[in-house]
Protein backbone atom coordinates (compact mmCIF):
# COMPACT_ATOMS: atom_id res chain seq x y z
CA UNK A 1 45.42 13.56 -32.11
CA UNK A 2 43.33 11.11 -34.19
CA UNK A 3 40.90 8.74 -32.42
CA UNK A 4 40.63 5.40 -34.13
CA UNK A 5 38.66 2.26 -33.34
CA UNK A 6 40.43 -0.93 -34.27
CA UNK A 7 39.22 -4.49 -33.83
CA UNK A 8 39.98 -7.86 -35.34
CA UNK A 9 37.11 -8.72 -37.75
CA UNK A 10 35.90 -11.88 -39.29
CA UNK A 11 35.84 -10.98 -42.96
CA UNK A 12 35.37 -7.31 -42.20
CA UNK A 13 37.34 -4.16 -41.87
CA UNK A 14 38.86 -3.96 -45.35
CA UNK A 15 39.77 -0.40 -46.53
CA UNK A 16 37.91 1.24 -49.31
CA UNK A 17 40.49 1.58 -52.05
CA UNK A 18 38.45 4.26 -53.82
CA UNK A 19 38.08 6.50 -50.77
CA UNK A 20 40.31 8.44 -48.44
CA UNK A 21 42.00 7.10 -45.30
CA UNK A 22 39.60 5.23 -43.02
CA UNK A 23 37.78 7.72 -40.74
CA UNK A 24 38.79 8.17 -37.09
CA UNK A 25 35.62 6.32 -35.82
CA UNK A 26 36.38 3.14 -37.79
CA UNK A 27 35.10 0.12 -35.93
CA UNK A 28 35.05 -3.65 -36.43
CA UNK A 29 35.03 -6.83 -34.30
CA UNK A 30 37.79 -9.07 -33.05
CA UNK A 31 36.65 -11.71 -30.63
CA UNK A 32 33.87 -9.27 -29.69
CA UNK A 33 36.38 -6.77 -28.22
CA UNK A 34 36.73 -3.17 -29.41
CA UNK A 35 40.16 -1.55 -29.31
CA UNK A 36 40.31 2.25 -29.10
CA UNK A 37 43.63 3.91 -29.95
CA UNK A 38 44.68 7.55 -29.86
CA UNK A 39 47.07 8.21 -32.73
CA UNK A 40 48.96 11.53 -32.81
CA UNK A 41 48.46 13.46 -36.02
CA UNK A 42 51.52 14.65 -37.87
CA UNK A 43 53.88 12.06 -36.32
CA UNK A 44 55.43 8.94 -37.72
CA UNK A 45 52.71 6.25 -37.92
CA UNK A 46 54.77 3.40 -36.46
CA UNK A 47 56.00 5.56 -33.56
CA UNK A 48 52.52 6.98 -32.94
CA UNK A 49 50.96 3.47 -32.95
CA UNK A 50 53.59 2.23 -30.49
CA UNK A 51 53.06 5.18 -28.17
CA UNK A 52 49.29 4.53 -28.27
CA UNK A 53 49.65 0.85 -27.44
CA UNK A 54 52.14 1.49 -24.61
CA UNK A 55 49.73 4.08 -23.18
CA UNK A 56 46.83 1.68 -23.34
CA UNK A 57 48.84 -0.97 -21.47
CA UNK A 58 50.26 1.48 -18.92
CA UNK A 59 46.89 2.94 -17.92
CA UNK A 60 45.27 -0.45 -17.66
CA UNK A 61 42.92 -0.20 -20.64
CA UNK A 62 44.65 -3.22 -22.15
CA UNK A 63 45.08 -5.79 -19.39
CA UNK A 64 47.66 -8.56 -19.37
CA UNK A 65 46.64 -11.41 -21.67
CA UNK A 66 44.40 -9.32 -23.90
CA UNK A 67 44.57 -10.50 -27.52
CA UNK A 68 45.19 -7.71 -30.03
CA UNK A 69 43.89 -7.56 -33.58
CA UNK A 70 46.11 -9.17 -36.27
CA UNK A 71 48.47 -6.85 -38.06
CA UNK A 72 46.32 -7.20 -41.18
CA UNK A 73 43.04 -6.36 -39.41
CA UNK A 74 44.55 -3.40 -37.46
CA UNK A 75 46.10 -2.02 -40.59
CA UNK A 76 42.81 -2.21 -42.40
CA UNK A 77 40.88 -0.51 -39.62
CA UNK A 78 43.46 2.33 -39.31
CA UNK A 79 44.04 2.70 -43.04
CA UNK A 80 47.76 2.26 -42.79
CA UNK A 81 50.24 -0.22 -44.24
CA UNK A 82 50.27 -3.71 -42.74
CA UNK A 83 54.13 -3.58 -42.43
CA UNK A 84 53.81 -0.49 -40.20
CA UNK A 85 51.64 -2.47 -37.79
CA UNK A 86 53.80 -5.54 -38.01
CA UNK A 87 56.99 -3.55 -37.25
CA UNK A 88 55.29 -1.82 -34.27
CA UNK A 89 54.12 -5.13 -32.87
CA UNK A 90 57.61 -6.69 -33.29
CA UNK A 91 59.37 -3.81 -31.48
CA UNK A 92 56.86 -3.90 -28.58
CA UNK A 93 57.41 -7.64 -28.29
CA UNK A 94 61.17 -6.99 -28.12
CA UNK A 95 60.57 -4.38 -25.40
CA UNK A 96 58.47 -6.79 -23.40
CA UNK A 97 55.11 -5.02 -23.78
CA UNK A 98 53.61 -7.71 -26.02
CA UNK A 99 53.99 -11.42 -26.67
CA UNK A 100 53.56 -13.22 -30.02
CA UNK A 101 53.18 -17.02 -30.37
CA UNK A 102 52.18 -19.10 -33.37
CA UNK A 103 48.44 -19.94 -33.13
CA UNK A 104 47.93 -17.64 -30.16
CA UNK A 105 48.29 -14.27 -31.87
CA UNK A 106 49.69 -11.13 -30.32
CA UNK A 107 48.80 -10.44 -26.74
CA UNK A 108 49.58 -7.99 -24.01
CA UNK A 109 52.49 -9.45 -21.92
CA UNK A 110 51.61 -10.79 -18.48
CA UNK A 111 53.56 -8.89 -15.85
CA UNK A 112 52.96 -7.64 -12.29
CA UNK A 113 52.97 -4.00 -13.27
CA UNK A 114 53.00 -2.37 -16.74
CA UNK A 115 56.30 -0.71 -17.50
CA UNK A 116 56.50 2.86 -16.23
CA UNK A 117 53.47 2.55 -13.93
CA UNK A 118 54.31 4.33 -10.68
CA UNK A 119 54.22 2.30 -7.53
CA UNK A 120 51.19 3.50 -5.65
CA UNK A 121 51.81 5.22 -2.38
CA UNK A 122 49.60 5.28 0.68
CA UNK A 123 46.05 6.48 -0.05
CA UNK A 124 44.26 9.05 2.10
CA UNK A 125 40.55 8.34 2.57
CA UNK A 126 38.24 11.29 1.91
CA UNK A 127 36.97 12.98 5.03
CA UNK A 128 33.80 11.40 6.42
CA UNK A 129 34.21 8.25 4.27
CA UNK A 130 34.82 4.89 5.98
CA UNK A 131 37.70 2.81 4.64
CA UNK A 132 36.51 -0.31 2.84
CA UNK A 133 37.01 -3.41 4.94
CA UNK A 134 37.57 -7.02 4.06
CA UNK A 135 34.49 -9.19 3.54
CA UNK A 136 33.43 -10.51 6.97
CA UNK A 137 33.64 -14.22 7.62
CA UNK A 138 30.24 -14.02 9.31
CA UNK A 139 27.54 -11.55 8.28
CA UNK A 140 24.89 -10.68 10.84
CA UNK A 141 23.94 -7.30 9.37
CA UNK A 142 20.26 -6.58 9.19
CA UNK A 143 18.12 -6.26 6.13
CA UNK A 144 20.05 -8.90 4.14
CA UNK A 145 18.41 -12.04 2.82
CA UNK A 146 20.04 -15.40 2.11
CA UNK A 147 21.03 -14.92 -1.48
CA UNK A 148 22.22 -18.58 -1.67
CA UNK A 149 18.55 -19.52 -1.58
CA UNK A 150 17.60 -17.57 -4.72
CA UNK A 151 15.21 -19.86 -6.73
CA UNK A 152 17.41 -20.06 -9.81
CA UNK A 153 15.63 -22.91 -11.61
CA UNK A 154 12.14 -21.49 -11.03
CA UNK A 155 13.30 -18.02 -12.00
CA UNK A 156 14.96 -19.31 -15.18
CA UNK A 157 11.68 -21.03 -16.09
CA UNK A 158 9.85 -17.77 -15.74
CA UNK A 159 12.57 -15.91 -17.56
CA UNK A 160 12.35 -18.26 -20.57
CA UNK A 161 8.57 -17.99 -20.67
CA UNK A 162 8.76 -14.22 -20.37
CA UNK A 163 11.33 -13.90 -23.16
CA UNK A 164 9.48 -16.29 -25.52
CA UNK A 165 6.08 -14.62 -25.05
CA UNK A 166 7.16 -11.00 -24.67
CA UNK A 167 5.45 -8.68 -27.09
CA UNK A 168 7.68 -6.70 -29.44
CA UNK A 169 6.80 -3.55 -27.57
CA UNK A 170 8.64 -4.87 -24.52
CA UNK A 171 11.98 -4.25 -26.35
CA UNK A 172 11.20 -0.62 -27.02
CA UNK A 173 11.03 2.37 -24.69
CA UNK A 174 8.98 1.52 -21.66
CA UNK A 175 5.98 2.97 -19.97
CA UNK A 176 7.46 5.00 -17.00
CA UNK A 177 5.04 3.25 -14.68
CA UNK A 178 6.47 -0.13 -15.61
CA UNK A 179 5.27 -3.15 -17.57
CA UNK A 180 1.50 -3.54 -17.37
CA UNK A 181 1.90 -7.34 -16.95
CA UNK A 182 3.78 -6.91 -13.74
CA UNK A 183 1.51 -4.11 -12.47
CA UNK A 184 -1.58 -6.41 -12.98
CA UNK A 185 0.11 -9.31 -11.23
CA UNK A 186 1.22 -7.11 -8.29
CA UNK A 187 -2.26 -5.64 -7.91
CA UNK A 188 -3.68 -9.10 -7.46
CA UNK A 189 -0.86 -10.33 -5.21
CA UNK A 190 -0.82 -7.32 -2.90
CA UNK A 191 -4.61 -7.34 -2.48
CA UNK A 192 -4.54 -10.98 -1.60
CA UNK A 193 -1.49 -11.11 0.65
CA UNK A 194 -1.21 -7.65 2.22
CA UNK A 195 -4.73 -6.18 2.00
CA UNK A 196 -3.52 -3.39 -0.30
CA UNK A 197 -6.12 -1.71 -2.51
CA UNK A 198 -4.30 -1.17 -5.78
CA UNK A 199 -5.32 -0.42 -9.33
CA UNK A 200 -2.59 -1.40 -11.87
CA UNK A 201 -2.67 2.18 -13.21
CA UNK A 202 -1.53 3.51 -9.79
CA UNK A 203 1.43 1.09 -9.36
CA UNK A 204 4.85 2.44 -10.15
CA UNK A 205 7.69 -0.06 -10.82
CA UNK A 206 11.15 1.11 -9.87
CA UNK A 207 14.57 -0.05 -8.86
CA UNK A 208 13.79 -0.57 -5.20
CA UNK A 209 12.89 1.46 -2.11
CA UNK A 210 15.68 4.02 -2.44
CA UNK A 211 14.69 4.74 -6.08
CA UNK A 212 11.06 5.20 -4.99
CA UNK A 213 11.92 7.42 -2.07
CA UNK A 214 14.18 9.59 -4.24
CA UNK A 215 11.26 9.99 -6.69
CA UNK A 216 8.77 10.89 -3.94
CA UNK A 217 11.20 13.32 -2.33
CA UNK A 218 11.00 15.42 -5.50
CA UNK A 219 7.18 15.70 -5.41
CA UNK A 220 6.74 16.25 -1.66
CA UNK A 221 7.00 19.70 -0.02
CA UNK A 222 8.09 21.01 3.36
CA UNK A 223 9.19 17.98 5.26
CA UNK A 224 8.71 14.32 6.06
CA UNK A 225 8.54 13.11 9.62
CA UNK A 226 10.58 9.94 10.27
CA UNK A 227 10.85 7.43 13.05
CA UNK A 228 13.40 8.07 15.78
CA UNK A 229 15.17 4.89 14.70
CA UNK A 230 15.67 4.10 11.01
CA UNK A 231 18.17 4.07 8.16
CA UNK A 232 20.34 7.10 7.94
CA UNK A 233 20.41 7.01 4.08
CA UNK A 234 16.65 7.29 3.95
CA UNK A 235 16.92 10.50 5.92
CA UNK A 236 19.82 11.60 3.67
CA UNK A 237 17.71 11.17 0.47
CA UNK A 238 14.99 13.38 1.89
CA UNK A 239 17.33 16.08 3.22
CA UNK A 240 19.19 16.25 -0.09
CA UNK A 241 15.84 17.08 -1.71
CA UNK A 242 15.48 19.99 0.68
CA UNK A 243 13.01 18.35 2.99
CA UNK A 244 13.19 18.49 6.81
CA UNK A 245 13.11 15.16 8.65
CA UNK A 246 11.86 15.74 12.21
CA UNK A 247 12.05 12.57 14.34
CA UNK A 248 8.98 10.93 15.94
CA UNK A 249 9.49 9.15 19.30
CA UNK A 250 9.05 5.42 19.75
CA UNK A 251 7.79 3.28 22.59
CA UNK A 252 6.57 -0.29 23.16
CA UNK A 253 3.52 0.35 20.96
CA UNK A 254 5.54 1.66 18.00
CA UNK A 255 5.80 5.21 16.70
CA UNK A 256 4.00 7.83 18.74
CA UNK A 257 2.05 9.26 15.83
CA UNK A 258 0.35 11.81 18.15
CA UNK A 259 3.61 13.71 17.97
CA UNK A 260 2.79 14.46 14.27
CA UNK A 261 0.67 17.36 15.42
CA UNK A 262 3.75 19.06 16.82
CA UNK A 263 6.22 17.98 14.11
CA UNK A 264 4.64 20.08 11.45
CA UNK A 265 5.27 18.20 8.08
CA UNK A 266 2.46 16.97 5.89
CA UNK A 267 4.05 13.62 5.28
CA UNK A 268 5.43 10.81 7.45
CA UNK A 269 7.59 7.75 6.60
CA UNK A 270 6.67 4.67 8.70
CA UNK A 271 7.51 1.01 9.07
CA UNK A 272 4.25 -0.01 10.72
CA UNK A 273 4.18 -3.76 10.36
CA UNK A 274 7.65 -4.27 11.89
CA UNK A 275 9.42 -1.06 12.98
CA UNK A 276 12.94 -0.99 11.59
CA UNK A 277 15.08 -1.77 13.49
CA UNK A 278 13.39 -2.06 16.90
CA UNK A 279 10.96 -4.71 15.64
CA UNK A 280 7.88 -3.15 17.37
CA UNK A 281 4.60 -3.27 15.33
CA UNK A 282 2.47 -0.19 15.26
CA UNK A 283 -0.44 -0.51 17.66
CA UNK A 284 -3.87 -0.78 15.88
CA UNK A 285 -5.11 2.39 17.62
CA UNK A 286 -2.05 4.26 16.21
CA UNK A 287 -2.60 2.83 12.76
CA UNK A 288 -6.05 4.37 12.73
CA UNK A 289 -4.72 7.56 14.30
CA UNK A 290 -2.13 8.20 11.65
CA UNK A 291 -4.71 7.76 8.94
CA UNK A 292 -7.00 10.24 10.73
CA UNK A 293 -4.08 12.63 11.02
CA UNK A 294 -3.43 12.39 7.22
CA UNK A 295 -7.16 13.10 6.48
CA UNK A 296 -7.33 16.04 8.75
CA UNK A 297 -3.98 17.54 7.73
CA UNK A 298 -4.35 16.82 3.98
CA UNK A 299 -1.17 14.81 4.55
CA UNK A 300 0.39 11.54 3.29
CA UNK A 301 1.70 8.42 4.94
CA UNK A 302 4.63 6.65 3.22
CA UNK A 303 4.31 2.96 4.31
CA UNK A 304 7.57 1.02 3.99
CA UNK A 305 6.57 -2.64 4.05
CA UNK A 306 10.15 -3.77 3.85
CA UNK A 307 9.68 -7.41 5.02
CA UNK A 308 5.92 -7.73 4.93
CA UNK A 309 5.97 -11.43 3.91
CA UNK A 310 7.85 -12.67 6.91
CA UNK A 311 5.49 -13.14 9.93
CA UNK A 312 6.07 -15.90 12.47
CA UNK A 313 4.33 -15.79 15.88
CA UNK A 314 1.30 -13.67 15.21
CA UNK A 315 -1.41 -13.21 12.68
CA UNK A 316 -0.25 -11.24 9.60
CA UNK A 317 -0.72 -7.50 9.97
CA UNK A 318 -2.35 -5.95 6.90
CA UNK A 319 -1.00 -2.87 5.29
CA UNK A 320 -2.14 0.53 6.62
CA UNK A 321 -2.73 1.48 2.99
CA UNK A 322 -5.90 -0.63 3.04
CA UNK A 323 -7.45 1.88 5.53
CA UNK A 324 -7.18 4.81 3.11
CA UNK A 325 -5.58 4.42 -0.37
CA UNK A 326 -5.97 8.13 -1.02
CA UNK A 327 -3.75 9.03 1.91
CA UNK A 328 -1.30 6.12 2.23
CA UNK A 329 1.45 5.25 -0.27
CA UNK A 330 2.53 1.62 -0.09
CA UNK A 331 6.17 0.79 -0.87
CA UNK A 332 7.49 -2.78 -1.30
CA UNK A 333 10.38 -4.51 -2.94
CA UNK A 334 11.65 -7.94 -4.02
CA UNK A 335 14.97 -7.33 -2.18
CA UNK A 336 14.17 -9.31 0.97
CA UNK A 337 11.85 -11.92 -0.57
CA UNK A 338 14.02 -12.73 -3.63
CA UNK A 339 17.33 -10.80 -3.99
CA UNK A 340 18.57 -7.20 -3.81
CA UNK A 341 20.36 -7.66 -7.17
CA UNK A 342 17.00 -7.76 -8.98
CA UNK A 343 16.50 -4.07 -8.25
CA UNK A 344 12.76 -4.32 -8.41
CA UNK A 345 10.38 -2.40 -6.23
CA UNK A 346 6.86 -1.00 -6.38
CA UNK A 347 4.92 1.94 -5.07
CA UNK A 348 1.16 2.05 -4.93
CA UNK A 349 0.28 5.72 -5.43
CA UNK A 350 -2.84 7.75 -4.59
CA UNK A 351 -4.56 9.02 -7.76
CA UNK A 352 -3.45 12.57 -6.87
CA UNK A 353 0.21 11.66 -7.11
CA UNK A 354 0.31 9.63 -10.32
CA UNK A 355 0.76 12.59 -12.67
CA UNK A 356 3.30 14.51 -10.46
CA UNK A 357 5.37 11.34 -10.11
CA UNK A 358 5.31 10.56 -13.83
CA UNK A 359 6.40 14.13 -14.51
CA UNK A 360 9.67 13.58 -12.64
CA UNK A 361 10.20 10.04 -14.04
CA UNK A 362 9.41 10.68 -17.71
CA UNK A 363 12.89 9.45 -18.81
CA UNK A 364 13.51 6.82 -16.14
CA UNK A 365 12.86 3.23 -17.21
CA UNK A 366 13.84 -0.16 -15.82
CA UNK A 367 14.57 -3.53 -17.40
CA UNK A 368 11.41 -4.95 -19.01
CA UNK A 369 12.59 -8.55 -19.06
CA UNK A 370 13.06 -8.81 -15.33
CA UNK A 371 9.68 -7.20 -14.84
CA UNK A 372 8.07 -9.71 -17.19
CA UNK A 373 9.88 -12.55 -15.40
CA UNK A 374 8.54 -11.43 -12.00
CA UNK A 375 5.06 -11.15 -13.43
CA UNK A 376 5.24 -14.78 -14.63
CA UNK A 377 6.80 -15.81 -11.33
CA UNK A 378 3.88 -14.27 -9.46
CA UNK A 379 1.16 -15.59 -11.79
CA UNK A 380 2.50 -19.20 -11.65
CA UNK A 381 2.46 -19.18 -7.84
CA UNK A 382 6.27 -19.57 -7.72
CA UNK A 383 6.60 -16.38 -5.71
CA UNK A 384 4.20 -17.68 -2.99
CA UNK A 385 5.97 -21.07 -2.87
CA UNK A 386 9.34 -19.39 -2.48
CA UNK A 387 8.15 -17.00 0.24
CA UNK A 388 6.59 -19.83 2.23
CA UNK A 389 9.76 -21.83 2.01
CA UNK A 390 11.93 -18.88 3.05
CA UNK A 391 9.51 -18.06 5.90
CA UNK A 392 10.11 -21.52 7.34
CA UNK A 393 13.86 -21.27 6.81
CA UNK A 394 14.15 -17.89 8.55
CA UNK A 395 11.88 -19.02 11.37
CA UNK A 396 14.14 -21.98 12.10
CA UNK A 397 17.15 -19.71 12.18
CA UNK A 398 15.43 -17.29 14.46
CA UNK A 399 14.43 -20.14 16.78
CA UNK A 400 17.93 -21.47 16.85
CA UNK A 401 19.30 -17.97 17.58
CA UNK A 402 16.94 -17.62 20.57
CA UNK A 403 17.65 -21.14 21.91
CA UNK A 404 21.45 -20.74 21.62
CA UNK A 405 21.46 -17.34 23.33
CA UNK A 406 19.18 -18.69 26.12
CA UNK A 407 21.65 -21.52 26.66
CA UNK A 408 24.92 -19.65 26.43
CA UNK A 409 23.96 -16.07 27.48
CA UNK A 410 20.72 -16.38 29.46
CA UNK A 411 21.21 -12.91 31.02
CA UNK A 412 20.60 -11.21 27.62
CA UNK A 413 17.11 -10.35 26.42
CA UNK A 414 16.10 -10.76 22.79
CA UNK A 415 13.23 -8.71 21.28
CA UNK A 416 11.61 -7.93 17.93
CA UNK A 417 11.19 -11.59 17.13
CA UNK A 418 7.63 -11.83 15.77
CA UNK A 419 8.58 -10.95 12.19
CA UNK A 420 11.30 -9.92 9.79
CA UNK A 421 14.93 -10.95 9.34
CA UNK A 422 16.50 -9.55 12.46
CA UNK A 423 16.24 -9.49 16.26
CA UNK A 424 17.39 -6.96 18.84
CA UNK A 425 19.77 -8.29 21.47
CA UNK A 426 19.91 -6.07 24.56
CA UNK A 427 23.35 -5.54 26.13
CA UNK A 428 24.54 -4.21 29.48
CA UNK A 429 24.70 -0.40 29.57
CA UNK A 430 27.88 1.04 28.09
CA UNK A 431 28.96 -2.16 26.26
CA UNK A 432 27.47 -1.72 22.73
CA UNK A 433 30.42 -0.07 20.95
CA UNK A 434 32.98 -2.35 22.62
CA UNK A 435 31.07 -5.43 21.53
CA UNK A 436 30.68 -4.15 17.94
CA UNK A 437 34.44 -3.40 17.67
CA UNK A 438 35.39 -6.76 19.12
CA UNK A 439 33.06 -8.49 16.63
CA UNK A 440 34.64 -6.60 13.75
CA UNK A 441 38.09 -7.73 14.82
CA UNK A 442 36.89 -11.32 14.74
CA UNK A 443 35.43 -11.06 11.23
CA UNK A 444 31.82 -10.90 12.53
CA UNK A 445 29.68 -8.08 10.92
CA UNK A 446 27.02 -6.88 13.30
CA UNK A 447 25.47 -3.50 14.02
CA UNK A 448 24.74 -1.57 17.18
CA UNK A 449 21.24 -0.14 17.69
CA UNK A 450 22.68 3.32 18.18
CA UNK A 451 23.80 3.37 14.56
CA UNK A 452 20.14 3.73 13.50
CA UNK A 453 19.19 6.52 15.92
CA UNK A 454 18.15 9.91 14.44
CA UNK A 455 20.72 12.41 15.64
CA UNK A 456 17.96 14.84 16.55
CA UNK A 457 15.83 12.48 18.51
CA UNK A 458 15.06 13.24 22.19
CA UNK A 459 15.89 10.52 24.78
CA UNK A 460 13.19 7.87 24.81
CA UNK A 461 12.20 4.52 26.20
CA UNK A 462 13.69 2.57 23.28
CA UNK A 463 17.17 3.96 23.87
CA UNK A 464 19.49 1.21 25.09
CA UNK A 465 22.71 -0.61 24.30
CA UNK A 466 21.87 -3.40 21.92
CA UNK A 467 22.85 -5.30 18.82
CA UNK A 468 20.69 -5.57 15.74
CA UNK A 469 21.32 -9.14 14.76
CA UNK A 470 20.30 -10.10 11.21
CA UNK A 471 19.80 -13.84 10.64
CA UNK A 472 18.97 -13.68 6.96
CA UNK A 473 22.31 -13.34 5.20
CA UNK A 474 24.35 -16.44 6.26
CA UNK A 475 23.76 -19.40 4.00
CA UNK A 476 22.17 -22.45 5.68
CA UNK A 477 25.40 -24.42 6.15
CA UNK A 478 27.11 -21.40 7.79
CA UNK A 479 24.45 -20.61 10.34
CA UNK A 480 25.79 -22.80 13.22
CA UNK A 481 29.34 -21.41 12.91
CA UNK A 482 27.99 -17.85 12.72
CA UNK A 483 25.92 -18.33 15.88
CA UNK A 484 28.98 -19.78 17.63
CA UNK A 485 31.08 -16.80 16.57
CA UNK A 486 28.52 -14.39 17.93
CA UNK A 487 28.15 -16.16 21.25
CA UNK A 488 31.92 -16.56 21.72
CA UNK A 489 32.43 -12.81 21.08
CA UNK A 490 29.68 -11.86 23.50
CA UNK A 491 30.92 -14.27 26.18
CA UNK A 492 34.51 -12.99 25.98
CA UNK A 493 33.61 -9.32 25.93
CA UNK A 494 30.85 -9.30 28.45
CA UNK A 495 32.95 -11.42 30.81
CA UNK A 496 35.64 -8.70 30.94
CA UNK A 497 35.70 -6.23 33.86
CA UNK A 498 32.91 -3.66 33.29
CA UNK A 499 31.16 -5.99 30.81
């Protein structure tokens, strides 16, 4: 079988009359689209070309409406006679595989299914994998910002400035720590806004929290204690790296860090400013206690500041990292403040971990232009302005959520309201799963609190039937109808016998 690249060039792709047949990797350009064909060696060229084109259409590599190279260009690229290509095209047009019109060229025919493609039968989902569901009409899942509010104009301004002023080195292989411009801008911003003590040479830029946690999991040893409630895939990342993840109990003052003495690991992953998802901040005495534990145990604290910018009814809580930069790693991202699609996050490392982390990330780099854009966005004050505007928007949504629930379902208690993008709505005992399933049937995406519980956690005071209600994702115009859908679902389900 001979692999050939064929495309429709603009003044390119002519065969070399003094050389042998064009090599198998021949490549040119037609409308910017490459066409790869597998031609069978030792068979008639026309028949082989027709079989290759049919196969490309049948397996979906050539979709309906795709324009093919002209017969002259394809013949030049494959090193065969133009008449051979023209005859193959003509026969495939007659068979219904292709269409040919004056001025439009030769294209793949538009049809519901390519000829010969088998009708798909029922699919069996892999064990343990949830079947994909339709996009919900109303999205109240936690940890999701309002992407409709992304500051496109301001971001574009920074992107243009970043591109026009970027040094030539920005387009080469990057420093595994990330662009120095962004690390300097973040060091200033985090010190000013979160009380983080950060030297630019200790800041690692990555693709978000999961990327950072995956990196850290490869340099930590033994185990990482986690909170009794949290995201299951964070625990999964750690366990895949061979680390144990013993749970720490929670109460009204946050994580009970005194339990670290019994848990055993030399590292702990915490969400101290706004525990995820219960919404309880870590008590000041426990903040100091976890730092004392790390010093005495030669341990590390991984501080996940997932929504540190959004504080409403209390004074901002500074980062634990400011208490001891040698024992606390600070992890933040732009996912909640700007958009998850940017895939930008940062980790402020202790000096002792910089070299070990770089050793496992030597070949991992991230887009320099987005980093330069964020650096400009921070330096111009655009990031601060956007965060302030979003803080007010989310606070209005939270206030309307509380007021609507108080009016329509006054028997339900709402907690975790002082910060973040979600609240916890307590339900009558035994009703959580029924309410979640009813909401799903109505196109309302919402999560039960039990979904976040560590499977090995002992019973504790934070265990209860509840919904974790995210108020970040719905766009502004959809918030009233989303609230109505939530309240209607709750009223109908909790009004049933046993509700």
